[in-house]
Structures are given as C-alpha cells and as structure tokens.
Amino acid sequence: MTESSEPAWIETVPAEAWTGELAELRGTCADRETGKVDHVLLVHSLNPRGLRGHLAVYGAAMAGTRGLRKVDRELIALSVSQLNGCHY
C-alpha cells in the first residue's frame, strides 16, 4: 500500500452546527475536556443513524469485556489500532 500525499475528503457537518438528532448525540461524542468531536465520529454527521450504530458497536465492544478494567480495554484498543496502522 502506498501512502497518498493528499488527505481523504469526506463531507461533514461541523460539530458546532449539529442540530436535532445530531445535537442529541454530541454529548456522547464530544471530548469532555475540549468539546471537539473526533474525525472518526464526525464522518457520520451526514447519517445520524450510522453514528448511533458506530457508538453502539463501540459500546458493545467495551461493555462486553467486563472482566477487564477500563484502562486495560483502552490499552487493548490502542494496541489493535497501532497494529492496524491507525493514526488516531
């Protein structure tokens, strides 16, 4: 796989402009310290149903491992992301 010098472009609705169903989801998506929404969630802004689905899958994955501490689940997620070449 070659790395492109051009970033991907996906149309989004800026988080500060979310209304209706998106506005209801913003509290779940936004970083508690900065109030910003990560790009991986922002790409769903044109499809709130898709965003709900993304959040549901993430929640199920994190809740489905109750035998692990939250910090351990997060470390596993970080390790998998690094192995997959994710930059976030």
Protein backbone atom coordinates (compact mmCIF):
# COMPACT_ATOMS: atom_id res chain seq x y z
CA MET A 1 0.00 0.00 0.00
CA THR A 2 1.35 3.43 -0.88
CA GLU A 3 0.73 6.49 1.20
CA SER A 4 -1.04 9.33 -0.58
CA SER A 5 0.12 12.90 -0.10
CA GLU A 6 -3.50 14.03 -0.48
CA PRO A 7 -5.75 13.61 2.56
CA ALA A 8 -9.12 11.95 2.12
CA TRP A 9 -12.02 14.36 1.89
CA ILE A 10 -15.37 13.44 3.33
CA GLU A 11 -18.18 15.95 3.64
CA THR A 12 -19.20 16.50 7.26
CA VAL A 13 -21.38 18.78 9.32
CA PRO A 14 -19.19 20.73 11.77
CA ALA A 15 -19.94 19.54 15.30
CA GLU A 16 -20.79 23.06 16.47
CA ALA A 17 -23.55 23.16 13.81
CA TRP A 18 -25.20 19.86 14.81
CA THR A 19 -28.94 20.15 15.32
CA GLY A 20 -31.79 17.76 16.01
CA GLU A 21 -30.71 14.12 16.36
CA LEU A 22 -27.03 15.02 15.91
CA ALA A 23 -27.24 17.61 18.69
CA GLU A 24 -28.63 14.89 20.97
CA LEU A 25 -25.62 12.69 20.19
CA ARG A 26 -22.99 15.41 20.58
CA GLY A 27 -22.68 14.95 24.34
CA THR A 28 -21.83 11.29 23.77
CA CYS A 29 -19.32 12.06 21.01
CA ALA A 30 -17.52 15.19 22.17
CA ASP A 31 -14.31 15.05 24.17
CA ARG A 32 -15.14 16.04 27.74
CA GLU A 33 -12.15 18.37 28.03
CA THR A 34 -12.08 20.06 24.61
CA GLY A 35 -15.64 19.64 23.38
CA LYS A 36 -14.28 18.51 20.00
CA VAL A 37 -15.62 15.51 18.08
CA ASP A 38 -13.02 13.10 16.66
CA HIS A 39 -12.93 12.72 12.89
CA VAL A 40 -13.78 9.02 13.14
CA LEU A 41 -17.16 10.09 14.57
CA LEU A 42 -17.54 13.33 12.60
CA VAL A 43 -17.65 11.40 9.32
CA HIS A 44 -21.05 10.06 10.40
CA SER A 45 -22.52 13.55 10.71
CA LEU A 46 -24.50 13.21 7.46
CA ASN A 47 -26.04 9.99 8.76
CA PRO A 48 -27.05 10.14 12.44
CA ARG A 49 -28.29 6.54 12.25
CA GLY A 50 -24.80 5.46 11.19
CA LEU A 51 -23.33 7.44 14.09
CA ARG A 52 -25.68 5.71 16.53
CA GLY A 53 -24.60 2.37 15.05
CA HIS A 54 -20.91 3.23 15.43
CA LEU A 55 -21.46 4.23 19.05
CA ALA A 56 -23.45 1.05 19.70
CA VAL A 57 -20.70 -1.20 18.31
CA TYR A 58 -18.05 0.63 20.34
CA GLY A 59 -20.19 0.44 23.47
CA ALA A 60 -20.85 -3.27 22.99
CA ALA A 61 -17.16 -3.99 22.48
CA MET A 62 -16.18 -2.08 25.60
CA ALA A 63 -19.04 -3.38 27.76
CA GLY A 64 -18.62 -6.95 26.56
CA THR A 65 -15.33 -7.26 28.41
CA ARG A 66 -16.45 -6.61 31.97
CA GLY A 67 -13.72 -8.89 33.32
CA LEU A 68 -11.18 -6.25 32.33
CA ARG A 69 -10.62 -2.84 33.85
CA LYS A 70 -11.49 0.12 31.60
CA VAL A 71 -7.82 1.06 31.33
CA ASP A 72 -7.00 -2.47 30.12
CA ARG A 73 -9.76 -2.34 27.49
CA GLU A 74 -8.44 1.01 26.29
CA LEU A 75 -4.87 -0.32 26.11
CA ILE A 76 -6.06 -3.28 24.04
CA ALA A 77 -7.93 -0.93 21.71
CA LEU A 78 -4.82 1.24 21.39
CA SER A 79 -2.64 -1.77 20.61
CA VAL A 80 -5.06 -3.03 17.96
CA SER A 81 -5.23 0.43 16.38
CA GLN A 82 -1.45 0.62 16.25
CA LEU A 83 -1.21 -2.85 14.71
CA ASN A 84 -3.79 -1.80 12.11
CA GLY A 85 -1.83 1.35 11.29
CA CYS A 86 -4.46 3.77 12.62
CA HIS A 87 -3.03 7.21 13.34
CA TYR A 88 -5.58 8.15 15.99
